Amino acid sequence: MIAKYWQKVGLILVIIACLFNVVIKIVSKVSIRDELEASALYVQSSQYDQEYNETK
């Protein structure tokens, strides 16, 4: 009898933990605009570095 209750309590705790994990990942997600800006800056800096190294 007690085992059934603990099994249900454990299942509820696992579900709550999974939902909490998903919500945290959604909330702390970086916006696509920030990702694109960071990628563009990286590409520009790498192109600048290549051009600088070629002129030397």
N, C-alpha and C. Protein backbone atom coordinates (compact mmCIF):
# COMPACT_ATOMS: atom_id res chain seq x y z
N MET A 1 0.82 -1.19 0.00
CA MET A 1 0.00 0.00 0.00
C MET A 1 0.87 1.27 0.00
N ILE A 2 1.86 1.31 0.87
CA ILE A 2 2.72 2.48 0.94
C ILE A 2 3.57 2.59 -0.33
N ALA A 3 3.93 1.46 -0.92
CA ALA A 3 4.74 1.47 -2.13
C ALA A 3 4.02 2.18 -3.27
N LYS A 4 2.69 2.02 -3.35
CA LYS A 4 1.93 2.68 -4.40
C LYS A 4 2.00 4.20 -4.25
N TYR A 5 1.90 4.66 -3.03
CA TYR A 5 1.95 6.10 -2.79
C TYR A 5 3.33 6.66 -3.12
N TRP A 6 4.38 5.94 -2.71
CA TRP A 6 5.73 6.42 -3.00
C TRP A 6 6.01 6.41 -4.50
N GLN A 7 5.45 5.43 -5.18
CA GLN A 7 5.62 5.36 -6.63
C GLN A 7 4.95 6.57 -7.29
N LYS A 8 3.77 6.93 -6.86
CA LYS A 8 3.07 8.10 -7.41
C LYS A 8 3.80 9.39 -7.07
N VAL A 9 4.28 9.50 -5.83
CA VAL A 9 5.02 10.69 -5.42
C VAL A 9 6.30 10.82 -6.23
N GLY A 10 7.00 9.73 -6.43
CA GLY A 10 8.22 9.75 -7.23
C GLY A 10 7.95 10.13 -8.67
N LEU A 11 6.89 9.62 -9.24
CA LEU A 11 6.53 9.96 -10.62
C LEU A 11 6.18 11.44 -10.75
N ILE A 12 5.46 11.96 -9.79
CA ILE A 12 5.11 13.39 -9.81
C ILE A 12 6.36 14.24 -9.69
N LEU A 13 7.30 13.85 -8.83
CA LEU A 13 8.55 14.60 -8.69
C LEU A 13 9.37 14.58 -9.99
N VAL A 14 9.40 13.44 -10.66
CA VAL A 14 10.13 13.35 -11.92
C VAL A 14 9.49 14.24 -12.98
N ILE A 15 8.17 14.25 -13.05
CA ILE A 15 7.48 15.10 -14.02
C ILE A 15 7.74 16.57 -13.74
N ILE A 16 7.69 16.97 -12.47
CA ILE A 16 7.95 18.36 -12.11
C ILE A 16 9.39 18.74 -12.45
N ALA A 17 10.35 17.85 -12.19
CA ALA A 17 11.74 18.13 -12.51
C ALA A 17 11.94 18.30 -14.02
N CYS A 18 11.29 17.46 -14.82
CA CYS A 18 11.40 17.58 -16.28
C CYS A 18 10.80 18.89 -16.77
N LEU A 19 9.64 19.24 -16.26
CA LEU A 19 9.00 20.50 -16.67
C LEU A 19 9.85 21.70 -16.26
N PHE A 20 10.42 21.65 -15.07
CA PHE A 20 11.28 22.73 -14.60
C PHE A 20 12.50 22.88 -15.51
N ASN A 21 13.10 21.77 -15.91
CA ASN A 21 14.25 21.79 -16.80
C ASN A 21 13.88 22.39 -18.16
N VAL A 22 12.76 22.03 -18.71
CA VAL A 22 12.32 22.56 -20.01
C VAL A 22 12.06 24.05 -19.91
N VAL A 23 11.39 24.49 -18.86
CA VAL A 23 11.08 25.91 -18.70
C VAL A 23 12.36 26.73 -18.57
N ILE A 24 13.33 26.25 -17.83
CA ILE A 24 14.60 26.98 -17.68
C ILE A 24 15.30 27.10 -19.03
N LYS A 25 15.29 26.04 -19.83
CA LYS A 25 15.94 26.10 -21.14
C LYS A 25 15.24 27.07 -22.06
N ILE A 26 13.92 27.16 -21.98
CA ILE A 26 13.18 28.09 -22.84
C ILE A 26 13.44 29.53 -22.41
N VAL A 27 13.45 29.79 -21.12
CA VAL A 27 13.61 31.15 -20.62
C VAL A 27 15.01 31.68 -20.88
N SER A 28 16.03 30.85 -20.71
CA SER A 28 17.40 31.32 -20.86
C SER A 28 17.92 31.21 -22.29
N LYS A 29 17.03 30.99 -23.23
CA LYS A 29 17.42 30.84 -24.63
C LYS A 29 17.86 32.19 -25.20
N VAL A 30 18.96 32.18 -25.95
CA VAL A 30 19.48 33.39 -26.58
C VAL A 30 18.64 33.68 -27.82
N SER A 31 18.34 34.95 -28.06
CA SER A 31 17.52 35.30 -29.20
C SER A 31 18.28 35.06 -30.50
N ILE A 32 17.55 34.81 -31.56
CA ILE A 32 18.16 34.52 -32.86
C ILE A 32 18.92 35.73 -33.37
N ARG A 33 18.45 36.91 -33.06
CA ARG A 33 19.14 38.13 -33.51
C ARG A 33 20.53 38.23 -32.89
N ASP A 34 20.62 37.93 -31.60
CA ASP A 34 21.93 37.96 -30.93
C ASP A 34 22.87 36.91 -31.51
N GLU A 35 22.34 35.73 -31.81
CA GLU A 35 23.15 34.69 -32.42
C GLU A 35 23.67 35.12 -33.78
N LEU A 36 22.81 35.72 -34.59
CA LEU A 36 23.22 36.16 -35.92
C LEU A 36 24.27 37.27 -35.84
N GLU A 37 24.10 38.20 -34.93
CA GLU A 37 25.08 39.27 -34.75
C GLU A 37 26.44 38.70 -34.33
N ALA A 38 26.43 37.77 -33.42
CA ALA A 38 27.68 37.17 -32.96
C ALA A 38 28.36 36.41 -34.10
N SER A 39 27.58 35.71 -34.90
CA SER A 39 28.15 34.97 -36.03
C SER A 39 28.73 35.93 -37.06
N ALA A 40 28.03 37.03 -37.34
CA ALA A 40 28.51 37.99 -38.32
C ALA A 40 29.80 38.64 -37.84
N LEU A 41 29.88 38.98 -36.57
CA LEU A 41 31.11 39.57 -36.03
C LEU A 41 32.27 38.59 -36.10
N TYR A 42 32.00 37.35 -35.83
CA TYR A 42 33.06 36.33 -35.91
C TYR A 42 33.58 36.18 -37.33
N VAL A 43 32.66 36.14 -38.30
CA VAL A 43 33.07 36.00 -39.70
C VAL A 43 33.86 37.22 -40.14
N GLN A 44 33.40 38.39 -39.78
CA GLN A 44 34.12 39.61 -40.16
C GLN A 44 35.51 39.65 -39.55
N SER A 45 35.63 39.28 -38.30
CA SER A 45 36.96 39.31 -37.66
C SER A 45 37.88 38.27 -38.27
N SER A 46 37.36 37.10 -38.62
CA SER A 46 38.22 36.08 -39.23
C SER A 46 38.64 36.51 -40.64
N GLN A 47 37.75 37.17 -41.37
CA GLN A 47 38.12 37.67 -42.70
C GLN A 47 39.17 38.77 -42.57
N TYR A 48 39.02 39.63 -41.59
CA TYR A 48 39.98 40.70 -41.36
C TYR A 48 41.34 40.11 -41.02
N ASP A 49 41.34 39.08 -40.17
CA ASP A 49 42.60 38.43 -39.79
C ASP A 49 43.28 37.79 -41.00
N GLN A 50 42.50 37.16 -41.87
CA GLN A 50 43.06 36.54 -43.06
C GLN A 50 43.66 37.59 -43.99
N GLU A 51 42.95 38.69 -44.19
CA GLU A 51 43.45 39.75 -45.05
C GLU A 51 44.72 40.38 -44.46
N TYR A 52 44.75 40.55 -43.16
CA TYR A 52 45.91 41.13 -42.49
C TYR A 52 47.12 40.23 -42.63
N ASN A 53 46.90 38.92 -42.48
CA ASN A 53 48.00 37.98 -42.58
C ASN A 53 48.51 37.85 -44.03
N GLU A 54 47.62 38.02 -45.01
CA GLU A 54 48.03 37.91 -46.41
C GLU A 54 48.86 39.12 -46.84
N THR A 55 48.59 40.30 -46.27
CA THR A 55 49.32 41.50 -46.65
C THR A 55 50.70 41.56 -46.04
N LYS A 56 50.96 40.78 -45.02
CA LYS A 56 52.28 40.80 -44.37
C LYS A 56 53.31 40.12 -45.19
